[in-house]
C-alpha atoms as a PDB file:
ATOM      1  CA  UNK A   1      37.794 -16.879  33.031  1.00  0.00           C
ATOM      2  CA  UNK A   2      38.212 -13.450  31.641  1.00  0.00           C
ATOM      3  CA  UNK A   3      36.612 -12.058  28.861  1.00  0.00           C
ATOM      4  CA  UNK A   4      38.003  -9.628  25.999  1.00  0.00           C
ATOM      5  CA  UNK A   5      36.129  -6.247  26.402  1.00  0.00           C
ATOM      6  CA  UNK A   6      33.764  -5.372  23.369  1.00  0.00           C
ATOM      7  CA  UNK A   7      36.400  -3.357  22.023  1.00  0.00           C
ATOM      8  CA  UNK A   8      39.059  -5.895  21.741  1.00  0.00           C
ATOM      9  CA  UNK A   9      36.934  -8.302  19.341  1.00  0.00           C
ATOM     10  CA  UNK A  10      37.608  -8.382  15.646  1.00  0.00           C
ATOM     11  CA  UNK A  11      35.111  -6.319  13.950  1.00  0.00           C
ATOM     12  CA  UNK A  12      34.329  -7.864  10.312  1.00  0.00           C
ATOM     13  CA  UNK A  13      34.907  -5.386   7.291  1.00  0.00           C
ATOM     14  CA  UNK A  14      31.689  -4.188   5.886  1.00  0.00           C
ATOM     15  CA  UNK A  15      33.100  -3.819   2.615  1.00  0.00           C
ATOM     16  CA  UNK A  16      32.677  -6.802   0.444  1.00  0.00           C
ATOM     17  CA  UNK A  17      36.013  -8.440  -0.781  1.00  0.00           C
ATOM     18  CA  UNK A  18      37.133  -7.731  -4.347  1.00  0.00           C
ATOM     19  CA  UNK A  19      35.680 -10.471  -5.772  1.00  0.00           C
ATOM     20  CA  UNK A  20      32.522 -10.556  -3.895  1.00  0.00           C
ATOM     21  CA  UNK A  21      29.563  -8.420  -5.441  1.00  0.00           C
ATOM     22  CA  UNK A  22      28.208  -5.598  -3.394  1.00  0.00           C
ATOM     23  CA  UNK A  23      24.800  -7.332  -2.912  1.00  0.00           C
ATOM     24  CA  UNK A  24      23.662  -3.865  -1.071  1.00  0.00           C
ATOM     25  CA  UNK A  25      24.620  -1.792  -3.944  1.00  0.00           C
ATOM     26  CA  UNK A  26      22.813  -4.253  -6.358  1.00  0.00           C
ATOM     27  CA  UNK A  27      19.952  -3.832  -4.083  1.00  0.00           C
ATOM     28  CA  UNK A  28      19.527   0.072  -4.324  1.00  0.00           C
ATOM     29  CA  UNK A  29      20.079   0.190  -8.140  1.00  0.00           C
ATOM     30  CA  UNK A  30      17.546  -2.637  -8.338  1.00  0.00           C
ATOM     31  CA  UNK A  31      14.922   0.089  -6.277  1.00  0.00           C
ATOM     32  CA  UNK A  32      16.231   2.673  -8.424  1.00  0.00           C
ATOM     33  CA  UNK A  33      15.027   0.835 -11.541  1.00  0.00           C
ATOM     34  CA  UNK A  34      11.600   0.341 -10.171  1.00  0.00           C
ATOM     35  CA  UNK A  35      11.361   4.168  -9.299  1.00  0.00           C
ATOM     36  CA  UNK A  36      12.214   4.856 -12.768  1.00  0.00           C
ATOM     37  CA  UNK A  37       9.755   2.414 -14.180  1.00  0.00           C
ATOM     38  CA  UNK A  38       7.175   4.134 -12.140  1.00  0.00           C
ATOM     39  CA  UNK A  39       8.372   7.397 -13.463  1.00  0.00           C
ATOM     40  CA  UNK A  40       8.858   6.673 -16.941  1.00  0.00           C
ATOM     41  CA  UNK A  41       5.480   4.208 -17.200  1.00  0.00           C
ATOM     42  CA  UNK A  42       2.954   5.061 -14.649  1.00  0.00           C
ATOM     43  CA  UNK A  43       2.414   8.723 -14.361  1.00  0.00           C
ATOM     44  CA  UNK A  44      -0.453   9.013 -16.782  1.00  0.00           C
ATOM     45  CA  UNK A  45      -2.525   6.021 -14.372  1.00  0.00           C
ATOM     46  CA  UNK A  46      -1.479   7.897 -11.633  1.00  0.00           C
ATOM     47  CA  UNK A  47      -2.672  11.166 -12.622  1.00  0.00           C
ATOM     48  CA  UNK A  48      -5.933   9.635 -13.576  1.00  0.00           C
ATOM     49  CA  UNK A  49      -6.556   8.026 -10.268  1.00  0.00           C
ATOM     50  CA  UNK A  50      -5.333  11.361  -8.481  1.00  0.00           C
ATOM     51  CA  UNK A  51      -8.230  13.257 -10.407  1.00  0.00           C
ATOM     52  CA  UNK A  52     -11.107  10.359  -9.307  1.00  0.00           C
ATOM     53  CA  UNK A  53      -9.605  10.367  -6.019  1.00  0.00           C
ATOM     54  CA  UNK A  54     -10.111  14.289  -5.424  1.00  0.00           C
ATOM     55  CA  UNK A  55     -13.176  14.253  -7.235  1.00  0.00           C
ATOM     56  CA  UNK A  56     -14.645  12.087  -4.997  1.00  0.00           C
ATOM     57  CA  UNK A  57     -13.058  13.975  -1.647  1.00  0.00           C
ATOM     58  CA  UNK A  58     -14.348  17.483  -2.735  1.00  0.00           C
ATOM     59  CA  UNK A  59     -17.436  15.825  -2.586  1.00  0.00           C
ATOM     60  CA  UNK A  60     -17.446  14.630   0.889  1.00  0.00           C
ATOM     61  CA  UNK A  61     -16.703  11.000  -0.670  1.00  0.00           C
ATOM     62  CA  UNK A  62     -14.268   8.642   0.746  1.00  0.00           C
ATOM     63  CA  UNK A  63     -11.086   6.827  -1.355  1.00  0.00           C
ATOM     64  CA  UNK A  64     -11.336   3.342   0.304  1.00  0.00           C
ATOM     65  CA  UNK A  65      -8.175   1.721   0.417  1.00  0.00           C
ATOM     66  CA  UNK A  66      -7.778  -2.141   1.033  1.00  0.00           C
ATOM     67  CA  UNK A  67      -4.819  -4.015   1.023  1.00  0.00           C
ATOM     68  CA  UNK A  68      -4.216  -8.159   2.321  1.00  0.00           C
ATOM     69  CA  UNK A  69      -0.517  -9.467   3.580  1.00  0.00           C
ATOM     70  CA  UNK A  70       2.304  -7.154   3.267  1.00  0.00           C
ATOM     71  CA  UNK A  71       0.138  -4.777   0.871  1.00  0.00           C
ATOM     72  CA  UNK A  72      -1.229  -3.666   4.389  1.00  0.00           C
ATOM     73  CA  UNK A  73       1.542  -1.116   4.446  1.00  0.00           C
ATOM     74  CA  UNK A  74       0.581   0.428   1.395  1.00  0.00           C
ATOM     75  CA  UNK A  75      -2.778   1.231   3.079  1.00  0.00           C
ATOM     76  CA  UNK A  76      -0.737   3.110   5.870  1.00  0.00           C
ATOM     77  CA  UNK A  77       0.985   5.058   3.455  1.00  0.00           C
ATOM     78  CA  UNK A  78      -1.721   6.876   2.605  1.00  0.00           C
ATOM     79  CA  UNK A  79      -3.375   7.562   5.812  1.00  0.00           C
ATOM     80  CA  UNK A  80      -2.683   8.425   8.833  1.00  0.00           C
ATOM     81  CA  UNK A  81       0.741   9.676   8.770  1.00  0.00           C
ATOM     82  CA  UNK A  82       2.318  12.555   7.951  1.00  0.00           C
ATOM     83  CA  UNK A  83       2.109  14.355   5.074  1.00  0.00           C
ATOM     84  CA  UNK A  84      -1.075  12.739   4.445  1.00  0.00           C
ATOM     85  CA  UNK A  85      -4.619  14.251   4.989  1.00  0.00           C
ATOM     86  CA  UNK A  86      -8.525  13.175   5.562  1.00  0.00           C
ATOM     87  CA  UNK A  87     -10.221  11.734   2.457  1.00  0.00           C
ATOM     88  CA  UNK A  88      -8.874   8.476   2.641  1.00  0.00           C
ATOM     89  CA  UNK A  89     -10.302   5.513   4.265  1.00  0.00           C
ATOM     90  CA  UNK A  90      -7.789   2.586   5.227  1.00  0.00           C
ATOM     91  CA  UNK A  91      -9.577  -0.699   5.968  1.00  0.00           C
ATOM     92  CA  UNK A  92      -7.001  -3.358   7.211  1.00  0.00           C
ATOM     93  CA  UNK A  93      -8.121  -6.681   8.803  1.00  0.00           C
ATOM     94  CA  UNK A  94      -5.613  -7.513  11.083  1.00  0.00           C
ATOM     95  CA  UNK A  95      -6.390 -11.482  10.544  1.00  0.00           C
ATOM     96  CA  UNK A  96      -5.109 -10.506   7.326  1.00  0.00           C
ATOM     97  CA  UNK A  97      -2.271  -8.524   8.205  1.00  0.00           C
ATOM     98  CA  UNK A  98      -0.962  -9.481  11.590  1.00  0.00           C
ATOM     99  CA  UNK A  99       2.583 -10.976  10.961  1.00  0.00           C
ATOM    100  CA  UNK A 100       4.398 -10.128  13.946  1.00  0.00           C
ATOM    101  CA  UNK A 101       3.962 -13.298  16.039  1.00  0.00           C
ATOM    102  CA  UNK A 102       4.552 -15.335  13.030  1.00  0.00           C
ATOM    103  CA  UNK A 103       4.009 -18.901  14.357  1.00  0.00           C
ATOM    104  CA  UNK A 104       1.472 -19.638  17.248  1.00  0.00           C
ATOM    105  CA  UNK A 105      -1.630 -18.006  17.483  1.00  0.00           C
ATOM    106  CA  UNK A 106      -2.373 -15.189  15.097  1.00  0.00           C
ATOM    107  CA  UNK A 107       0.672 -16.828  13.011  1.00  0.00           C
ATOM    108  CA  UNK A 108       1.425 -16.076   9.304  1.00  0.00           C
ATOM    109  CA  UNK A 109       0.564 -19.980   8.177  1.00  0.00           C
ATOM    110  CA  UNK A 110      -3.073 -18.242   9.121  1.00  0.00           C
ATOM    111  CA  UNK A 111      -2.879 -15.253   7.509  1.00  0.00           C
ATOM    112  CA  UNK A 112      -1.598 -16.693   3.882  1.00  0.00           C
ATOM    113  CA  UNK A 113      -4.401 -19.098   4.406  1.00  0.00           C
ATOM    114  CA  UNK A 114      -7.397 -16.302   5.451  1.00  0.00           C
ATOM    115  CA  UNK A 115      -5.988 -14.387   2.424  1.00  0.00           C
ATOM    116  CA  UNK A 116      -6.967 -17.035  -0.059  1.00  0.00           C
ATOM    117  CA  UNK A 117     -10.791 -17.496   1.488  1.00  0.00           C
ATOM    118  CA  UNK A 118     -13.038 -16.486  -1.080  1.00  0.00           C
ATOM    119  CA  UNK A 119     -16.126 -15.217   0.113  1.00  0.00           C
ATOM    120  CA  UNK A 120     -14.142 -13.095   3.022  1.00  0.00           C
ATOM    121  CA  UNK A 121     -14.843 -10.105   1.025  1.00  0.00           C
ATOM    122  CA  UNK A 122     -18.303  -9.563   1.420  1.00  0.00           C
ATOM    123  CA  UNK A 123     -18.662  -9.712   5.113  1.00  0.00           C
ATOM    124  CA  UNK A 124     -15.422  -6.734   5.498  1.00  0.00           C
ATOM    125  CA  UNK A 125     -17.792  -4.580   2.959  1.00  0.00           C
ATOM    126  CA  UNK A 126     -20.435  -5.239   4.674  1.00  0.00           C
ATOM    127  CA  UNK A 127     -19.717  -3.132   8.018  1.00  0.00           C
ATOM    128  CA  UNK A 128     -19.601  -0.204   5.908  1.00  0.00           C
ATOM    129  CA  UNK A 129     -21.958   1.876   4.108  1.00  0.00           C
ATOM    130  CA  UNK A 130     -20.494   3.100   0.401  1.00  0.00           C
ATOM    131  CA  UNK A 131     -21.478   5.615  -1.661  1.00  0.00           C
ATOM    132  CA  UNK A 132     -21.259   5.307  -5.644  1.00  0.00           C
ATOM    133  CA  UNK A 133     -19.059   8.272  -5.747  1.00  0.00           C
ATOM    134  CA  UNK A 134     -16.461   6.818  -3.558  1.00  0.00           C
ATOM    135  CA  UNK A 135     -13.214   5.314  -4.778  1.00  0.00           C
ATOM    136  CA  UNK A 136     -12.085   1.711  -3.633  1.00  0.00           C
ATOM    137  CA  UNK A 137      -8.170   1.388  -4.096  1.00  0.00           C
ATOM    138  CA  UNK A 138      -7.119  -2.680  -3.759  1.00  0.00           C
ATOM    139  CA  UNK A 139      -3.310  -3.401  -3.136  1.00  0.00           C
ATOM    140  CA  UNK A 140      -2.231  -6.525  -4.225  1.00  0.00           C
ATOM    141  CA  UNK A 141       1.505  -7.453  -5.677  1.00  0.00           C
ATOM    142  CA  UNK A 142       0.045 -10.910  -6.869  1.00  0.00           C
ATOM    143  CA  UNK A 143      -3.404  -9.549  -7.750  1.00  0.00           C
ATOM    144  CA  UNK A 144      -4.690 -12.845  -7.954  1.00  0.00           C
ATOM    145  CA  UNK A 145      -5.729 -13.784  -4.475  1.00  0.00           C
ATOM    146  CA  UNK A 146      -9.396 -14.452  -3.069  1.00  0.00           C
ATOM    147  CA  UNK A 147     -10.215 -11.992  -0.817  1.00  0.00           C
ATOM    148  CA  UNK A 148      -8.650  -8.984  -2.719  1.00  0.00           C
ATOM    149  CA  UNK A 149     -10.200 -10.107  -5.972  1.00  0.00           C
ATOM    150  CA  UNK A 150     -13.760 -10.465  -3.858  1.00  0.00           C
ATOM    151  CA  UNK A 151     -12.903  -6.891  -2.354  1.00  0.00           C
ATOM    152  CA  UNK A 152     -12.966  -5.743  -5.846  1.00  0.00           C
ATOM    153  CA  UNK A 153     -15.839  -7.222  -7.123  1.00  0.00           C
ATOM    154  CA  UNK A 154     -18.054  -6.241  -4.262  1.00  0.00           C
ATOM    155  CA  UNK A 155     -16.805  -2.457  -4.081  1.00  0.00           C
ATOM    156  CA  UNK A 156     -17.787  -2.461  -8.324  1.00  0.00           C
ATOM    157  CA  UNK A 157     -21.025  -4.567  -7.902  1.00  0.00           C
ATOM    158  CA  UNK A 158     -21.922  -1.391  -5.153  1.00  0.00           C
ATOM    159  CA  UNK A 159     -21.166   1.217  -8.229  1.00  0.00           C
ATOM    160  CA  UNK A 160     -17.648   2.324  -6.616  1.00  0.00           C
ATOM    161  CA  UNK A 161     -14.718   3.189  -8.988  1.00  0.00           C
ATOM    162  CA  UNK A 162     -12.186   0.596  -8.568  1.00  0.00           C
ATOM    163  CA  UNK A 163      -8.204   0.985  -8.708  1.00  0.00           C
ATOM    164  CA  UNK A 164      -5.814  -1.585  -8.562  1.00  0.00           C
ATOM    165  CA  UNK A 165      -1.863  -1.391  -7.736  1.00  0.00           C
ATOM    166  CA  UNK A 166      -0.155  -4.800  -8.328  1.00  0.00           C
ATOM    167  CA  UNK A 167       2.840  -6.040  -9.979  1.00  0.00           C
ATOM    168  CA  UNK A 168       1.636  -6.043 -13.693  1.00  0.00           C
ATOM    169  CA  UNK A 169       4.193  -8.338 -15.167  1.00  0.00           C
ATOM    170  CA  UNK A 170       4.190 -10.573 -11.920  1.00  0.00           C
ATOM    171  CA  UNK A 171       0.337 -10.866 -12.178  1.00  0.00           C
ATOM    172  CA  UNK A 172       0.164 -11.796 -15.653  1.00  0.00           C
ATOM    173  CA  UNK A 173       2.153 -14.842 -15.520  1.00  0.00           C
ATOM    174  CA  UNK A 174       0.244 -16.477 -12.451  1.00  0.00           C
ATOM    175  CA  UNK A 175      -3.668 -17.865 -12.438  1.00  0.00           C
ATOM    176  CA  UNK A 176      -6.512 -16.418 -10.188  1.00  0.00           C
ATOM    177  CA  UNK A 177      -7.052 -18.135  -7.255  1.00  0.00           C
ATOM    178  CA  UNK A 178     -10.730 -17.154  -7.151  1.00  0.00           C
ATOM    179  CA  UNK A 179     -13.611 -19.546  -8.733  1.00  0.00           C
ATOM    180  CA  UNK A 180     -14.557 -16.090 -11.164  1.00  0.00           C
ATOM    181  CA  UNK A 181     -11.290 -17.033 -12.781  1.00  0.00           C
ATOM    182  CA  UNK A 182     -10.446 -13.002 -12.764  1.00  0.00           C
ATOM    183  CA  UNK A 183      -7.608 -11.214 -10.831  1.00  0.00           C
ATOM    184  CA  UNK A 184      -7.503  -7.521  -9.849  1.00  0.00           C
ATOM    185  CA  UNK A 185      -6.120  -6.713 -13.382  1.00  0.00           C
ATOM    186  CA  UNK A 186      -9.343  -7.797 -14.795  1.00  0.00           C
ATOM    187  CA  UNK A 187     -11.825  -5.965 -12.590  1.00  0.00           C
ATOM    188  CA  UNK A 188     -10.401  -2.899 -11.951  1.00  0.00           C
ATOM    189  CA  UNK A 189     -11.616   0.072 -13.442  1.00  0.00           C
ATOM    190  CA  UNK A 190      -7.848   1.580 -13.500  1.00  0.00           C
ATOM    191  CA  UNK A 191      -4.718  -0.213 -12.818  1.00  0.00           C
ATOM    192  CA  UNK A 192      -1.451   0.980 -11.895  1.00  0.00           C
ATOM    193  CA  UNK A 193       1.548  -1.139 -11.718  1.00  0.00           C
ATOM    194  CA  UNK A 194       3.934  -1.002  -8.571  1.00  0.00           C
ATOM    195  CA  UNK A 195       6.648  -2.361 -11.256  1.00  0.00           C
ATOM    196  CA  UNK A 196       7.723  -5.176  -9.084  1.00  0.00           C
ATOM    197  CA  UNK A 197       9.842  -8.028 -10.480  1.00  0.00           C
ATOM    198  CA  UNK A 198       8.008 -11.325 -11.057  1.00  0.00           C
ATOM    199  CA  UNK A 199       8.680 -12.382  -7.429  1.00  0.00           C
ATOM    200  CA  UNK A 200       9.245  -9.393  -6.075  1.00  0.00           C
ATOM    201  CA  UNK A 201      12.359 -10.244  -4.429  1.00  0.00           C
ATOM    202  CA  UNK A 202      15.337  -8.911  -6.723  1.00  0.00           C
ATOM    203  CA  UNK A 203      18.929  -9.752  -5.256  1.00  0.00           C
ATOM    204  CA  UNK A 204      20.801 -12.808  -6.236  1.00  0.00           C
ATOM    205  CA  UNK A 205      23.013 -13.645  -3.066  1.00  0.00           C
ATOM    206  CA  UNK A 206      25.937 -15.730  -3.623  1.00  0.00           C
ATOM    207  CA  UNK A 207      25.407 -18.833  -1.851  1.00  0.00           C
ATOM    208  CA  UNK A 208      21.638 -18.349  -1.190  1.00  0.00           C
ATOM    209  CA  UNK A 209      19.067 -20.239  -3.234  1.00  0.00           C
ATOM    210  CA  UNK A 210      16.509 -17.455  -3.774  1.00  0.00           C
ATOM    211  CA  UNK A 211      16.514 -14.162  -4.516  1.00  0.00           C
ATOM    212  CA  UNK A 212      16.345 -11.549  -1.226  1.00  0.00           C
ATOM    213  CA  UNK A 213      15.519  -7.967  -0.989  1.00  0.00           C
ATOM    214  CA  UNK A 214      11.365  -7.548  -2.195  1.00  0.00           C
ATOM    215  CA  UNK A 215      10.486  -4.278  -4.345  1.00  0.00           C
ATOM    216  CA  UNK A 216       6.847  -3.988  -4.205  1.00  0.00           C
ATOM    217  CA  UNK A 217       6.867  -1.952  -1.183  1.00  0.00           C
ATOM    218  CA  UNK A 218       9.072   0.468  -2.698  1.00  0.00           C
ATOM    219  CA  UNK A 219       7.086   0.638  -5.832  1.00  0.00           C
ATOM    220  CA  UNK A 220       4.048   1.098  -4.132  1.00  0.00           C
ATOM    221  CA  UNK A 221       5.260   3.864  -1.861  1.00  0.00           C
ATOM    222  CA  UNK A 222       6.433   6.015  -4.765  1.00  0.00           C
ATOM    223  CA  UNK A 223       2.918   4.853  -6.369  1.00  0.00           C
ATOM    224  CA  UNK A 224       1.104   6.334  -3.530  1.00  0.00           C
ATOM    225  CA  UNK A 225       2.772   9.205  -2.509  1.00  0.00           C
ATOM    226  CA  UNK A 226       3.055  10.487  -6.014  1.00  0.00           C
ATOM    227  CA  UNK A 227      -1.021  10.134  -5.929  1.00  0.00           C
ATOM    228  CA  UNK A 228      -1.278  11.930  -2.371  1.00  0.00           C
ATOM    229  CA  UNK A 229       0.690  15.075  -3.274  1.00  0.00           C
ATOM    230  CA  UNK A 230      -1.409  15.440  -6.590  1.00  0.00           C
ATOM    231  CA  UNK A 231      -4.795  14.778  -4.949  1.00  0.00           C
ATOM    232  CA  UNK A 232      -3.482  17.656  -2.616  1.00  0.00           C
ATOM    233  CA  UNK A 233      -2.987  19.773  -5.524  1.00  0.00           C
ATOM    234  CA  UNK A 234      -6.117  19.101  -7.370  1.00  0.00           C
ATOM    235  CA  UNK A 235      -7.933  19.608  -3.831  1.00  0.00           C
ATOM    236  CA  UNK A 236      -5.744  23.056  -3.478  1.00  0.00           C
ATOM    237  CA  UNK A 237      -6.494  24.222  -6.794  1.00  0.00           C
ATOM    238  CA  UNK A 238     -10.644  23.853  -5.998  1.00  0.00           C
ATOM    239  CA  UNK A 239     -10.118  25.607  -3.101  1.00  0.00           C
ATOM    240  CA  UNK A 240     -10.748  22.639  -1.053  1.00  0.00           C
ATOM    241  CA  UNK A 241      -7.126  22.569   0.574  1.00  0.00           C
ATOM    242  CA  UNK A 242      -6.450  19.324   2.679  1.00  0.00           C
ATOM    243  CA  UNK A 243      -5.694  19.331   6.468  1.00  0.00           C
ATOM    244  CA  UNK A 244      -2.729  17.749   6.304  1.00  0.00           C
ATOM    245  CA  UNK A 245      -0.774  16.013   9.328  1.00  0.00           C
ATOM    246  CA  UNK A 246       2.343  18.304  10.085  1.00  0.00           C
ATOM    247  CA  UNK A 247       5.308  17.552  12.516  1.00  0.00           C
ATOM    248  CA  UNK A 248       6.100  20.221  15.172  1.00  0.00           C
ATOM    249  CA  UNK A 249       9.651  20.529  13.273  1.00  0.00           C
ATOM    250  CA  UNK A 250       7.426  22.250  10.232  1.00  0.00           C
ATOM    251  CA  UNK A 251       5.016  24.188  11.752  1.00  0.00           C
ATOM    252  CA  UNK A 252       5.596  24.042  15.541  1.00  0.00           C
ATOM    253  CA  UNK A 253       4.887  21.989  18.359  1.00  0.00           C
ATOM    254  CA  UNK A 254       1.719  23.659  19.490  1.00  0.00           C
ATOM    255  CA  UNK A 255       0.657  24.202  15.464  1.00  0.00           C
ATOM    256  CA  UNK A 256       1.092  20.120  15.136  1.00  0.00           C
ATOM    257  CA  UNK A 257      -1.027  19.471  18.297  1.00  0.00           C
ATOM    258  CA  UNK A 258      -3.899  21.597  17.205  1.00  0.00           C
ATOM    259  CA  UNK A 259      -3.464  20.164  13.255  1.00  0.00           C
ATOM    260  CA  UNK A 260      -3.863  16.345  14.645  1.00  0.00           C
ATOM    261  CA  UNK A 261      -7.050  17.241  16.613  1.00  0.00           C
ATOM    262  CA  UNK A 262      -8.326  19.189  13.421  1.00  0.00           C
ATOM    263  CA  UNK A 263      -7.650  16.334  11.120  1.00  0.00           C
ATOM    264  CA  UNK A 264      -8.860  13.675  13.422  1.00  0.00           C
ATOM    265  CA  UNK A 265     -12.056  15.428  13.508  1.00  0.00           C
ATOM    266  CA  UNK A 266     -12.730  16.200  10.084  1.00  0.00           C
ATOM    267  CA  UNK A 267     -11.665  12.303   9.237  1.00  0.00           C
ATOM    268  CA  UNK A 268     -14.154  11.284  11.898  1.00  0.00           C
ATOM    269  CA  UNK A 269     -16.712  13.671  10.307  1.00  0.00           C
ATOM    270  CA  UNK A 270     -15.973  11.994   6.903  1.00  0.00           C
ATOM    271  CA  UNK A 271     -15.728   8.515   8.027  1.00  0.00           C
ATOM    272  CA  UNK A 272     -19.124   8.393  10.444  1.00  0.00           C
ATOM    273  CA  UNK A 273     -21.253   7.707   6.982  1.00  0.00           C
ATOM    274  CA  UNK A 274     -19.349   4.508   6.383  1.00  0.00           C
ATOM    275  CA  UNK A 275     -21.032   3.540   9.923  1.00  0.00           C
ATOM    276  CA  UNK A 276     -24.443   4.780   9.214  1.00  0.00           C
ATOM    277  CA  UNK A 277     -23.971   7.883  10.589  1.00  0.00           C
END
């Protein structure tokens, strides 16, 4: 039995029918609204956070970054990647953030259960040496889970300035899952809203019983990169321009290789203190 060539197979029109909503455009419009809300409402908080971070980094302190669940992506967006620089110390627990296997060993059920395990924050923090001029940024869209709240409380107890990045309207609607009854917004010295909607997802798709397309990653990415460029500007004004990871396209292949080595060496020198060095 012969089979038609792929080129003979019918191709579904990517355009929606006239009476069908274009849900892709709906998602993009909602994404634009998040960026607009961040720009219109969060710049004062982002500028204040950037000043706190730059002050710490200028003193060879560190800005520690923690996120569980999909908030891990915000941590990795800050450092290390192109357009980022040392001074930020990502703390990512794979048991809380490894989503690729979904089921089975290291599955998502376990990660979601572990994220709620009050008491885990202290063992995480006990791996590191902190200084009172360090900063801790905790990312959690809901702002109510056991481990992120633990980390914020532990950082405060160690004298760090704590910045929380949450979805403020969402977090306000849900109770704390921590025995203290507190959420990140109750603990942090400064709260930045990623402007995600309650429940995070944004698009009603006809025939689907729950919204599709989350927005917190868009808000988090906008927040942390606005923060990052402001910190770089502040450090440069202090005469301490950061070593920025840059691609070969931007500065040439050899310079890019040298910059990576120099940046990682600088990072190693900065973070050795957190391991007692």
